[in-house]
Each structure stands twice: as C-alpha cells, then as structure tokens.
Amino acid sequence: MSGTPFAPNLSHCGVFVRDLERMTRFYCEVFDMQLTDQGEGVTFRMSLAFLSSRSDQHHQLALATGRGPDAPSTVMQLSFKVTEIAHLREARARALASGASAMRGLNHGNALSIYFADPEGNTVEVYLDTPWQVRQPHGDPLDLERGDAELWAETERICRADPTFEPAAEWAAKFEARQRALRAAGG
C-alpha cells in the first residue's frame, strides 16, 4: 500500500449518442471544447469522439455511437462548472443558439444553475458555486435577467433563512475531517 491517500477524482464521462457529428459540434460550440481524438474503438466497437476544454485532460467528455433511434436518454445530468454569473448567461445563450431546449434556472443555495436538454435530450447543467451551503436537494427559481448583486443578495438571504445553513468553508472542513477519519479507519 502506498503512502498517498486513496482519493479517486472523477474526471470525465461518456455518453452514447445517435448523431456523433451533431453532438460533437454542440458541445464544442457551447463549451469551447476541442475534438482531441476520434476513431473506431477496438475494444468498444463504436465510433468515438473525445472532447476537452483543458490542456491537462485529453478528454472530459467521450461521445460514442450506439444509442438507438428510439432509445431514451439515461443521462441524469452532465454538469459543467463556471466561475461567474456572466458565464451562466453566456452558456444559456450559446446553448439556445446551438439547439438546446427546456432551459430553466435553479438557485440551489450552494450553487446557481441552469439546466437544459442537449439536441438528443440529455440533461446538461451549468453551475456556479456560492460561498454558502444548505441541505440538498434545494431549488428556488433563478432569474438570470436580474442583476448580479440582486442575485447574490437573494441567494444569501435564502441560505441564511434555511435551518441547515453554514458557510461553504465550514461544510468543507467537516467533510475533510470525515475523510481523514475514513482513511484512518481503513488504513
């Protein structure tokens, strides 16, 4: 056993699609991803497209043919994190221009999120963390037409009114303490 704590990091996911070219174009247009590789799988007998928006990750999203013409989406959600409310607005505009549907906004207290369906009906979330934490699931309407200061003030008010409220830094410290205890018990 190594001295480094076991802490796997979920770094990418794969989605079966009907139209590989259309879905590749959608994710590249909306999220500034690049097609890093593509081809026919050897082990997985399907056409694959690998997409990333980061130079340190060969792919964040793998798209693979194989979804049947009438097969429903089995994706609960694909989530993309941003750092500013303006980025939520930009993602909304890009997604709608690229064929997204069912656009909606939710204020989760710990995050401000938009959700939409990609061209094949997979749910996509774009979210921004807040400095607060409340028990999940939590969802109030989010109106991105309102100003940033108003949205931040409303979010803080909503969070502080929730009996489970705590600053995100305190929640993170408790999480880390639980992780250390788990590692100590297992090691």
Protein backbone atom coordinates (compact mmCIF):
# COMPACT_ATOMS: atom_id res chain seq x y z
CA MET A 1 0.00 0.00 0.00
CA SER A 2 1.36 3.45 -0.92
CA GLY A 3 1.67 6.41 1.43
CA THR A 4 -0.58 8.54 -0.76
CA PRO A 5 -4.22 8.58 0.39
CA PHE A 6 -6.65 6.82 -1.91
CA ALA A 7 -8.73 9.69 -3.36
CA PRO A 8 -10.02 8.98 -6.88
CA ASN A 9 -11.08 12.07 -8.82
CA LEU A 10 -14.00 11.75 -11.24
CA SER A 11 -12.58 13.46 -14.32
CA HIS A 12 -14.64 12.56 -17.38
CA CYS A 13 -17.72 10.75 -18.58
CA GLY A 14 -19.01 9.08 -21.71
CA VAL A 15 -22.39 9.35 -23.37
CA PHE A 16 -23.96 7.20 -26.09
CA VAL A 17 -25.32 9.34 -28.95
CA ARG A 18 -27.30 8.91 -32.15
CA ASP A 19 -25.59 11.60 -34.25
CA LEU A 20 -21.91 11.82 -33.33
CA GLU A 21 -21.13 14.78 -35.60
CA ARG A 22 -24.06 16.90 -34.39
CA MET A 23 -23.37 16.19 -30.72
CA THR A 24 -19.64 16.88 -31.13
CA ARG A 25 -20.47 20.21 -32.77
CA PHE A 26 -22.96 21.10 -29.98
CA TYR A 27 -20.50 20.53 -27.11
CA CYS A 28 -17.67 22.27 -28.97
CA GLU A 29 -19.85 25.33 -29.72
CA VAL A 30 -21.45 25.64 -26.29
CA PHE A 31 -18.46 24.81 -24.07
CA ASP A 32 -15.44 25.76 -26.22
CA MET A 33 -14.34 22.14 -26.22
CA GLN A 34 -11.94 20.77 -28.81
CA LEU A 35 -12.10 17.46 -30.56
CA THR A 36 -8.90 15.88 -29.24
CA ASP A 37 -9.26 12.46 -30.91
CA GLN A 38 -11.76 10.37 -32.81
CA GLY A 39 -11.98 6.97 -34.38
CA GLU A 40 -13.34 3.46 -34.21
CA GLY A 41 -13.00 1.65 -30.92
CA VAL A 42 -11.02 -1.59 -30.77
CA THR A 43 -12.43 -2.91 -27.51
CA PHE A 44 -15.64 -0.91 -27.76
CA ARG A 45 -16.89 -1.42 -31.34
CA MET A 46 -18.29 2.05 -32.00
CA SER A 47 -17.26 5.43 -33.33
CA LEU A 48 -15.85 7.67 -30.62
CA ALA A 49 -15.18 11.39 -30.26
CA PHE A 50 -13.08 12.71 -27.38
CA LEU A 51 -13.64 16.33 -26.29
CA SER A 52 -11.86 18.61 -23.84
CA SER A 53 -11.61 22.26 -22.92
CA ARG A 54 -8.46 21.72 -20.83
CA SER A 55 -4.90 21.08 -21.93
CA ASP A 56 -4.30 18.88 -18.88
CA GLN A 57 -7.15 16.49 -19.74
CA HIS A 58 -7.11 14.59 -23.02
CA HIS A 59 -10.87 14.29 -22.74
CA GLN A 60 -13.56 15.45 -20.37
CA LEU A 61 -16.36 14.06 -22.49
CA ALA A 62 -16.37 10.94 -24.65
CA LEU A 63 -19.20 10.62 -27.16
CA ALA A 64 -19.89 7.19 -28.62
CA THR A 65 -22.27 5.93 -31.27
CA GLY A 66 -24.63 3.19 -30.25
CA ARG A 67 -27.70 4.94 -28.91
CA GLY A 68 -30.71 3.55 -30.74
CA PRO A 69 -33.06 5.84 -32.67
CA ASP A 70 -35.83 5.45 -30.08
CA ALA A 71 -33.66 4.93 -27.00
CA PRO A 72 -34.36 7.47 -24.26
CA SER A 73 -31.53 9.30 -22.58
CA THR A 74 -30.18 7.56 -19.50
CA VAL A 75 -28.12 10.61 -18.52
CA MET A 76 -29.34 12.17 -15.27
CA GLN A 77 -27.17 15.20 -15.97
CA LEU A 78 -23.81 16.33 -17.32
CA SER A 79 -22.54 19.23 -15.19
CA PHE A 80 -20.16 21.98 -16.19
CA LYS A 81 -18.78 24.38 -13.57
CA VAL A 82 -18.22 28.08 -14.26
CA THR A 83 -16.90 30.92 -12.10
CA GLU A 84 -19.20 33.89 -12.81
CA ILE A 85 -22.90 34.61 -13.21
CA ALA A 86 -21.99 36.15 -16.59
CA HIS A 87 -20.76 32.68 -17.63
CA LEU A 88 -24.18 31.21 -16.82
CA ARG A 89 -25.75 33.80 -19.10
CA GLU A 90 -23.19 33.06 -21.82
CA ALA A 91 -23.79 29.31 -21.54
CA ARG A 92 -27.54 29.88 -21.77
CA ALA A 93 -27.19 31.99 -24.92
CA ARG A 94 -24.77 29.56 -26.59
CA ALA A 95 -26.85 26.51 -25.72
CA LEU A 96 -30.06 28.03 -27.07
CA ALA A 97 -28.28 29.16 -30.26
CA SER A 98 -26.93 25.62 -30.72
CA GLY A 99 -30.24 23.80 -30.39
CA ALA A 100 -30.77 23.27 -26.66
CA SER A 101 -34.30 23.13 -25.28
CA ALA A 102 -36.12 23.03 -21.92
CA MET A 103 -33.96 25.84 -20.46
CA ARG A 104 -34.55 26.54 -16.77
CA GLY A 105 -32.69 28.14 -13.88
CA LEU A 106 -32.48 26.97 -10.28
CA ASN A 107 -30.96 28.51 -7.18
CA HIS A 108 -29.74 25.60 -5.05
CA GLY A 109 -28.32 27.88 -2.36
CA ASN A 110 -24.90 26.25 -2.65
CA ALA A 111 -24.96 26.78 -6.43
CA LEU A 112 -26.67 28.83 -9.12
CA SER A 113 -27.57 26.54 -12.01
CA ILE A 114 -29.11 26.44 -15.42
CA TYR A 115 -30.39 23.19 -16.90
CA PHE A 116 -31.27 22.35 -20.48
CA ALA A 117 -31.66 19.44 -22.85
CA ASP A 118 -28.96 18.95 -25.48
CA PRO A 119 -30.10 18.11 -29.04
CA GLU A 120 -30.59 14.44 -28.09
CA GLY A 121 -32.45 15.12 -24.83
CA ASN A 122 -29.62 14.62 -22.34
CA THR A 123 -29.87 16.97 -19.36
CA VAL A 124 -26.97 19.40 -19.05
CA GLU A 125 -26.30 21.60 -16.02
CA VAL A 126 -24.04 24.66 -15.94
CA TYR A 127 -23.44 25.89 -12.42
CA LEU A 128 -21.59 28.37 -10.24
CA ASP A 129 -20.70 27.59 -6.61
CA THR A 130 -21.73 30.03 -3.89
CA PRO A 131 -19.94 30.59 -0.56
CA TRP A 132 -22.88 29.04 1.31
CA GLN A 133 -24.18 25.56 1.98
CA VAL A 134 -27.70 24.28 2.65
CA ARG A 135 -29.03 20.73 2.63
CA GLN A 136 -29.78 19.35 -0.84
CA PRO A 137 -31.94 18.92 -2.80
CA HIS A 138 -32.90 22.58 -2.66
CA GLY A 139 -34.23 24.57 -5.58
CA ASP A 140 -35.69 28.05 -5.88
CA PRO A 141 -36.30 29.76 -9.22
CA LEU A 142 -33.29 31.55 -10.73
CA ASP A 143 -33.93 34.53 -12.98
CA LEU A 144 -30.72 35.45 -14.79
CA GLU A 145 -32.33 38.62 -16.13
CA ARG A 146 -31.81 40.14 -12.69
CA GLY A 147 -28.53 41.83 -11.78
CA ASP A 148 -25.62 40.01 -10.16
CA ALA A 149 -25.79 41.95 -6.88
CA GLU A 150 -29.50 41.23 -6.56
CA LEU A 151 -28.97 37.51 -7.24
CA TRP A 152 -26.15 37.26 -4.68
CA ALA A 153 -28.19 39.10 -2.02
CA GLU A 154 -31.23 36.91 -2.65
CA THR A 155 -29.12 33.73 -2.51
CA GLU A 156 -27.52 34.71 0.78
CA ARG A 157 -30.94 35.59 2.23
CA ILE A 158 -32.41 32.25 1.11
CA CYS A 159 -29.45 30.35 2.56
CA ARG A 160 -29.39 32.14 5.90
CA ALA A 161 -33.14 31.50 6.30
CA ASP A 162 -32.59 27.75 5.91
CA PRO A 163 -32.00 25.94 9.24
CA THR A 164 -29.24 23.84 7.62
CA PHE A 165 -27.24 26.94 6.56
CA GLU A 166 -23.49 27.07 7.04
CA PRO A 167 -20.67 28.79 5.20
CA ALA A 168 -19.22 26.54 2.47
CA ALA A 169 -15.79 26.70 4.14
CA GLU A 170 -17.22 25.21 7.36
CA TRP A 171 -19.00 22.47 5.40
CA ALA A 172 -15.73 21.69 3.57
CA ALA A 173 -13.78 21.49 6.86
CA LYS A 174 -16.32 18.99 8.26
CA PHE A 175 -16.11 16.98 5.04
CA GLU A 176 -12.31 16.85 5.25
CA ALA A 177 -12.49 15.73 8.88
CA ARG A 178 -14.83 12.87 7.88
CA GLN A 179 -12.48 11.91 5.03
CA ARG A 180 -9.49 11.83 7.39
CA ALA A 181 -11.47 9.63 9.81
CA LEU A 182 -12.43 7.24 6.99
CA ARG A 183 -8.82 7.00 5.85
CA ALA A 184 -7.61 6.41 9.41
CA ALA A 185 -10.20 3.68 9.97
CA GLY A 186 -9.28 1.95 6.71
CA GLY A 187 -5.55 2.31 6.95
